[in-house]
Amino acid sequence: MFFIGLINSLFSFITFQNKELRKVGCGIHLLMSSITSLITISIVTVKFFFVLFTHIDIKYVHPSIISGGCISIEPLVKLFVFLDGWLNACVAIERTIQVFHGTSFNKEKSTRVARWVILLLPFGIMGTIIHEPIYRRIFRTKGFKPFITTDKHEKKFWCLTRYSPVIQTYNTIILFFHLVAPCIINLFSALFIIIQVTRQRSIVQQKLTYKEHFRQQLYENKHLLISSITLLLLALPRLIISMLSTCTEATQNPWLYLSSYFIAFIPSILIFTIFVVPSTLYMKTFKQSINTYRRYICRQ
């Protein structure tokens, strides 16, 4: 998973570092999304090894390391997963505005707004999940003996959250908002683009009926709808597992739980596949960038 995400993020970064693509907000958002996707996959990999090393039979595990990992890793994962989702939504909003304004679209204003959004968005997300590290605690199974145990069953760490009913309701609403709202924005943006372009074409090209123009645009922009619906479906498993009320529900079906958890990271892993591969312009830019790097390496 890490290597697939690394390759996708690297290819995406190579594509969107192009100055021409960064003359509009979409290119800036996607460049930032390439970076955050790589950070997301890196933190998930760190979490995997953290959980692995704190649950195998080892003689020396310092409590402060375990406590620090419990408090920080999962909130960081959520921060960058949510950031990825909202950056994708920003791309959709930018495309919608561009189609709506047409030739009067202001590229300079677009880039200024994109930079401010990238600057402020992480702080906005952090403000909504600030309760996460506060309520996270390390729990040890009965019979735990620090540092010198030889019984693997005695040395178990569980990083758990205990919310009050009010905080639990707030947490569910925040998860729903951050995971579903960007997907809804993507979906409505795709529909708006198809309908708006259909109206414009039906006025200019009156030889075809409105329905024929609509079918044509639906076919040409079907990747926008497919990607939006796919992102929404991929967000649902993480919502479901977040609503599990006890550890027992997760431990009874650990593989189902883990599968649902890791499915949520597919958009971050496949950023190049989702945004670059379907676009003729982006793929052309990617190939040009690769050829430039190849010529540079050959000259060395």
Protein backbone atom coordinates (compact mmCIF):
# COMPACT_ATOMS: atom_id res chain seq x y z
CA MET A 1 0.00 0.00 0.00
CA PHE A 2 2.80 2.41 0.91
CA PHE A 3 4.71 1.87 -2.34
CA ILE A 4 1.59 2.25 -4.49
CA GLY A 5 0.73 5.47 -2.66
CA LEU A 6 4.34 6.68 -2.92
CA ILE A 7 4.42 6.16 -6.70
CA ASN A 8 1.00 7.78 -7.21
CA SER A 9 1.90 10.79 -5.05
CA LEU A 10 5.29 11.20 -6.73
CA PHE A 11 3.80 11.03 -10.25
CA SER A 12 1.07 13.46 -9.24
CA PHE A 13 3.62 15.86 -7.74
CA ILE A 14 5.71 15.70 -10.93
CA THR A 15 2.60 16.56 -12.94
CA PHE A 16 1.33 19.52 -10.90
CA GLN A 17 4.66 21.19 -10.24
CA ASN A 18 4.30 22.42 -13.83
CA LYS A 19 4.01 26.23 -13.80
CA GLU A 20 1.29 26.31 -16.46
CA LEU A 21 -1.01 24.06 -14.42
CA ARG A 22 -0.43 26.21 -11.32
CA LYS A 23 -1.72 29.33 -13.06
CA VAL A 24 -5.20 28.32 -11.83
CA GLY A 25 -6.37 27.24 -8.39
CA CYS A 26 -7.02 23.63 -9.46
CA GLY A 27 -3.34 23.03 -10.13
CA ILE A 28 -2.33 24.47 -6.75
CA HIS A 29 -4.94 22.39 -4.90
CA LEU A 30 -3.86 19.21 -6.70
CA LEU A 31 -0.17 19.91 -6.04
CA MET A 32 -0.96 20.28 -2.34
CA SER A 33 -3.13 17.17 -2.48
CA SER A 34 -0.16 15.24 -3.90
CA ILE A 35 1.91 16.24 -0.86
CA THR A 36 -0.83 15.54 1.71
CA SER A 37 -1.54 12.15 0.12
CA LEU A 38 2.08 11.14 0.59
CA ILE A 39 2.01 12.37 4.21
CA THR A 40 -1.24 10.45 4.83
CA ILE A 41 0.18 7.16 3.54
CA SER A 42 3.40 7.70 5.51
CA ILE A 43 1.50 8.27 8.78
CA VAL A 44 -0.72 5.22 8.17
CA THR A 45 2.42 3.14 7.62
CA VAL A 46 3.91 4.50 10.86
CA LYS A 47 0.68 3.62 12.66
CA PHE A 48 0.77 0.07 11.28
CA PHE A 49 4.28 -0.54 12.65
CA PHE A 50 3.43 1.26 15.88
CA VAL A 51 0.49 -1.09 16.51
CA LEU A 52 2.58 -4.08 15.44
CA PHE A 53 5.53 -3.33 17.71
CA THR A 54 3.36 -2.51 20.72
CA HIS A 55 1.43 -5.80 20.48
CA ILE A 56 4.22 -8.32 19.86
CA ASP A 57 6.22 -9.93 22.64
CA ILE A 58 8.93 -7.36 23.38
CA LYS A 59 10.72 -6.84 26.68
CA TYR A 60 11.18 -3.10 26.65
CA VAL A 61 8.44 -0.68 25.65
CA HIS A 62 8.59 2.76 27.20
CA PRO A 63 5.11 3.94 28.29
CA SER A 64 5.73 7.52 27.09
CA ILE A 65 6.31 6.30 23.51
CA ILE A 66 3.08 4.32 23.56
CA SER A 67 1.12 7.18 25.12
CA GLY A 68 2.53 9.70 22.64
CA GLY A 69 1.71 7.47 19.68
CA CYS A 70 -1.81 6.88 20.96
CA ILE A 71 -2.52 10.58 21.41
CA SER A 72 -0.96 11.86 18.17
CA ILE A 73 -1.01 9.28 15.35
CA GLU A 74 -4.74 8.75 14.76
CA PRO A 75 -5.63 12.48 15.01
CA LEU A 76 -2.87 13.19 12.44
CA VAL A 77 -4.28 10.48 10.16
CA LYS A 78 -7.72 12.06 10.39
CA LEU A 79 -6.33 15.55 9.80
CA PHE A 80 -4.65 14.60 6.52
CA VAL A 81 -7.49 12.32 5.34
CA PHE A 82 -9.97 15.15 5.88
CA LEU A 83 -7.55 17.61 4.26
CA ASP A 84 -7.29 15.37 1.18
CA GLY A 85 -11.07 15.22 0.93
CA TRP A 86 -11.54 18.98 1.20
CA LEU A 87 -8.75 19.69 -1.30
CA ASN A 88 -10.57 17.43 -3.75
CA ALA A 89 -13.76 19.37 -3.03
CA CYS A 90 -11.88 22.63 -3.67
CA VAL A 91 -10.85 21.29 -7.09
CA ALA A 92 -14.51 20.52 -7.85
CA ILE A 93 -15.63 23.98 -6.71
CA GLU A 94 -12.91 25.63 -8.80
CA ARG A 95 -13.98 23.72 -11.91
CA THR A 96 -17.60 24.68 -11.30
CA ILE A 97 -16.74 28.37 -11.01
CA GLN A 98 -14.58 28.15 -14.14
CA VAL A 99 -17.43 26.64 -16.17
CA PHE A 100 -19.93 29.16 -14.77
CA HIS A 101 -17.81 32.23 -15.61
CA GLY A 102 -16.41 30.89 -18.87
CA THR A 103 -13.98 33.29 -20.56
CA SER A 104 -14.40 35.87 -17.78
CA PHE A 105 -12.85 33.49 -15.23
CA ASN A 106 -10.13 35.33 -13.25
CA LYS A 107 -7.06 33.09 -13.00
CA GLU A 108 -5.06 35.43 -10.76
CA LYS A 109 -7.88 35.67 -8.22
CA SER A 110 -8.25 31.89 -8.42
CA THR A 111 -4.60 31.32 -7.43
CA ARG A 112 -4.80 33.87 -4.59
CA VAL A 113 -7.90 32.22 -3.15
CA ALA A 114 -6.32 28.76 -3.51
CA ARG A 115 -3.24 29.81 -1.50
CA TRP A 116 -5.40 31.26 1.29
CA VAL A 117 -7.55 28.12 1.37
CA ILE A 118 -4.48 25.89 1.63
CA LEU A 119 -3.15 28.08 4.45
CA LEU A 120 -6.36 28.21 6.50
CA LEU A 121 -7.95 24.81 5.80
CA PRO A 122 -5.67 22.72 8.09
CA PHE A 123 -6.36 25.04 11.04
CA GLY A 124 -10.11 24.81 10.41
CA ILE A 125 -9.98 21.01 10.38
CA MET A 126 -7.77 20.89 13.50
CA GLY A 127 -10.29 23.08 15.30
CA THR A 128 -13.06 20.54 14.69
CA ILE A 129 -11.06 17.48 15.88
CA ILE A 130 -9.23 19.08 18.82
CA HIS A 131 -11.17 16.81 21.17
CA GLU A 132 -9.48 13.68 19.70
CA PRO A 133 -6.14 13.82 21.56
CA ILE A 134 -7.81 15.08 24.74
CA TYR A 135 -10.01 11.99 25.13
CA ARG A 136 -7.48 9.38 23.97
CA ARG A 137 -6.07 7.14 26.68
CA ILE A 138 -3.87 4.04 26.94
CA PHE A 139 -5.46 1.03 28.62
CA ARG A 140 -3.55 -2.08 29.64
CA THR A 141 -4.94 -5.56 30.04
CA LYS A 142 -5.09 -7.03 33.54
CA GLY A 143 -1.82 -8.45 34.74
CA PHE A 144 0.42 -6.10 32.77
CA LYS A 145 3.96 -5.85 34.19
CA PRO A 146 6.00 -2.99 32.76
CA PHE A 147 9.26 -3.75 30.97
CA ILE A 148 9.98 -7.28 32.27
CA THR A 149 7.05 -9.48 31.32
CA THR A 150 7.53 -12.74 29.41
CA ASP A 151 3.87 -13.57 28.94
CA LYS A 152 2.66 -12.11 25.67
CA HIS A 153 -0.93 -12.15 26.91
CA GLU A 154 0.01 -9.88 29.81
CA LYS A 155 1.51 -7.13 27.68
CA LYS A 156 -1.32 -5.62 25.69
CA PHE A 157 -1.93 -1.94 25.00
CA TRP A 158 -5.23 -0.52 23.80
CA CYS A 159 -5.56 3.04 22.61
CA LEU A 160 -9.18 3.96 23.27
CA THR A 161 -11.43 6.98 23.42
CA ARG A 162 -14.10 7.52 26.02
CA TYR A 163 -16.57 10.21 25.00
CA SER A 164 -19.49 11.58 26.91
CA PRO A 165 -22.82 11.28 25.02
CA VAL A 166 -22.59 14.93 23.92
CA ILE A 167 -19.02 14.60 22.64
CA GLN A 168 -19.88 11.29 20.96
CA THR A 169 -22.72 12.96 19.07
CA TYR A 170 -20.44 15.86 18.11
CA ASN A 171 -17.73 13.42 16.95
CA THR A 172 -20.19 11.52 14.75
CA ILE A 173 -21.47 14.75 13.18
CA ILE A 174 -17.90 15.95 12.51
CA LEU A 175 -16.91 12.62 10.92
CA PHE A 176 -20.03 12.66 8.76
CA PHE A 177 -19.34 16.27 7.74
CA HIS A 178 -15.67 15.79 6.83
CA LEU A 179 -16.13 12.47 5.02
CA VAL A 180 -19.45 12.97 3.22
CA ALA A 181 -19.67 16.73 2.54
CA PRO A 182 -16.64 16.83 0.14
CA CYS A 183 -18.08 13.83 -1.76
CA ILE A 184 -21.46 15.56 -2.08
CA ILE A 185 -19.72 18.70 -3.33
CA ASN A 186 -17.86 16.62 -5.93
CA LEU A 187 -21.09 14.98 -7.09
CA PHE A 188 -23.10 18.21 -7.40
CA SER A 189 -20.15 19.90 -9.10
CA ALA A 190 -20.02 17.15 -11.73
CA LEU A 191 -23.78 17.45 -12.35
CA PHE A 192 -23.58 21.26 -12.58
CA ILE A 193 -20.70 21.11 -15.08
CA ILE A 194 -22.59 18.65 -17.30
CA ILE A 195 -25.82 20.67 -17.21
CA GLN A 196 -24.11 24.06 -17.69
CA VAL A 197 -21.98 22.91 -20.63
CA THR A 198 -25.09 21.28 -22.15
CA ARG A 199 -26.95 24.62 -21.98
CA GLN A 200 -24.04 26.49 -23.54
CA ARG A 201 -23.63 23.96 -26.36
CA SER A 202 -27.37 23.81 -27.07
CA ILE A 203 -27.39 27.59 -27.62
CA VAL A 204 -24.34 27.62 -29.89
CA GLN A 205 -24.96 24.34 -31.73
CA GLN A 206 -28.69 24.21 -32.42
CA LYS A 207 -28.48 21.34 -34.90
CA LEU A 208 -28.60 18.92 -31.97
CA THR A 209 -31.42 18.76 -29.43
CA TYR A 210 -30.90 19.48 -25.74
CA LYS A 211 -31.16 15.76 -24.92
CA GLU A 212 -28.51 14.89 -27.51
CA HIS A 213 -26.15 17.52 -26.10
CA PHE A 214 -26.86 16.22 -22.59
CA ARG A 215 -26.05 12.64 -23.57
CA GLN A 216 -22.86 13.79 -25.26
CA GLN A 217 -21.72 15.73 -22.17
CA LEU A 218 -22.71 12.87 -19.91
CA TYR A 219 -20.46 10.59 -21.95
CA GLU A 220 -17.56 13.06 -22.11
CA ASN A 221 -17.69 13.85 -18.38
CA LYS A 222 -18.72 10.47 -17.05
CA HIS A 223 -15.38 10.18 -15.23
CA LEU A 224 -16.43 13.11 -13.00
CA LEU A 225 -19.59 11.31 -11.94
CA ILE A 226 -17.86 7.95 -11.53
CA SER A 227 -15.06 9.41 -9.39
CA SER A 228 -17.55 11.37 -7.24
CA ILE A 229 -19.72 8.33 -6.56
CA THR A 230 -16.64 6.17 -5.95
CA LEU A 231 -15.26 8.65 -3.38
CA LEU A 232 -18.63 8.66 -1.59
CA LEU A 233 -18.76 4.84 -1.47
CA LEU A 234 -15.18 4.67 -0.19
CA ALA A 235 -16.04 7.08 2.63
CA LEU A 236 -18.93 4.95 3.93
CA PRO A 237 -16.86 2.11 5.51
CA ARG A 238 -14.94 4.57 7.70
CA LEU A 239 -18.22 6.12 8.82
CA ILE A 240 -19.59 2.70 9.72
CA ILE A 241 -16.57 1.58 11.77
CA SER A 242 -16.49 4.93 13.56
CA MET A 243 -19.97 4.18 14.90
CA LEU A 244 -18.92 0.90 16.53
CA SER A 245 -19.78 1.42 20.16
CA THR A 246 -17.39 -1.06 21.79
CA CYS A 247 -14.10 -2.83 21.25
CA THR A 248 -15.97 -6.15 21.18
CA GLU A 249 -17.76 -5.22 17.96
CA ALA A 250 -14.41 -4.60 16.26
CA THR A 251 -12.54 -7.59 17.69
CA GLN A 252 -15.29 -10.05 16.70
CA ASN A 253 -14.63 -9.27 13.02
CA PRO A 254 -11.07 -7.85 12.94
CA TRP A 255 -10.50 -8.42 9.21
CA LEU A 256 -13.76 -6.69 8.32
CA TYR A 257 -12.78 -3.79 10.58
CA LEU A 258 -9.27 -3.51 9.11
CA SER A 259 -10.55 -3.77 5.53
CA SER A 260 -13.10 -1.02 6.13
CA TYR A 261 -10.43 1.13 7.78
CA PHE A 262 -7.90 0.84 4.95
CA ILE A 263 -10.51 1.26 2.18
CA ALA A 264 -10.89 4.88 3.32
CA PHE A 265 -7.28 5.56 2.26
CA ILE A 266 -7.73 4.44 -1.37
CA PRO A 267 -8.38 8.02 -2.64
CA SER A 268 -5.09 9.14 -1.05
CA ILE A 269 -3.25 6.14 -2.47
CA LEU A 270 -4.62 6.54 -6.01
CA ILE A 271 -4.51 10.32 -6.46
CA PHE A 272 -2.60 10.02 -9.75
CA THR A 273 -5.07 7.44 -11.07
CA ILE A 274 -8.11 9.50 -10.04
CA PHE A 275 -7.08 12.97 -11.22
CA VAL A 276 -4.28 12.66 -13.78
CA VAL A 277 -4.98 9.52 -15.81
CA PRO A 278 -8.54 10.52 -16.93
CA SER A 279 -7.34 13.97 -18.07
CA THR A 280 -5.72 14.37 -21.50
CA LEU A 281 -4.09 17.68 -20.47
CA TYR A 282 -2.67 16.34 -17.21
CA MET A 283 -1.35 13.14 -18.83
CA LYS A 284 0.31 15.19 -21.57
CA THR A 285 1.95 17.41 -18.93
CA PHE A 286 3.08 14.35 -16.96
CA LYS A 287 4.72 12.78 -20.03
CA GLN A 288 6.45 16.07 -20.86
CA SER A 289 7.75 16.35 -17.28
CA ILE A 290 9.05 12.76 -17.34
CA ASN A 291 10.84 13.40 -20.64
CA THR A 292 12.39 16.56 -19.17
CA TYR A 293 13.69 14.65 -16.14
CA ARG A 294 14.96 11.86 -18.41
CA ARG A 295 16.94 14.30 -20.57
CA TYR A 296 18.33 15.97 -17.44
CA ILE A 297 19.50 12.63 -16.02
CA CYS A 298 21.06 11.59 -19.33
CA ARG A 299 23.11 14.80 -19.42
CA GLN A 300 24.61 14.10 -16.00
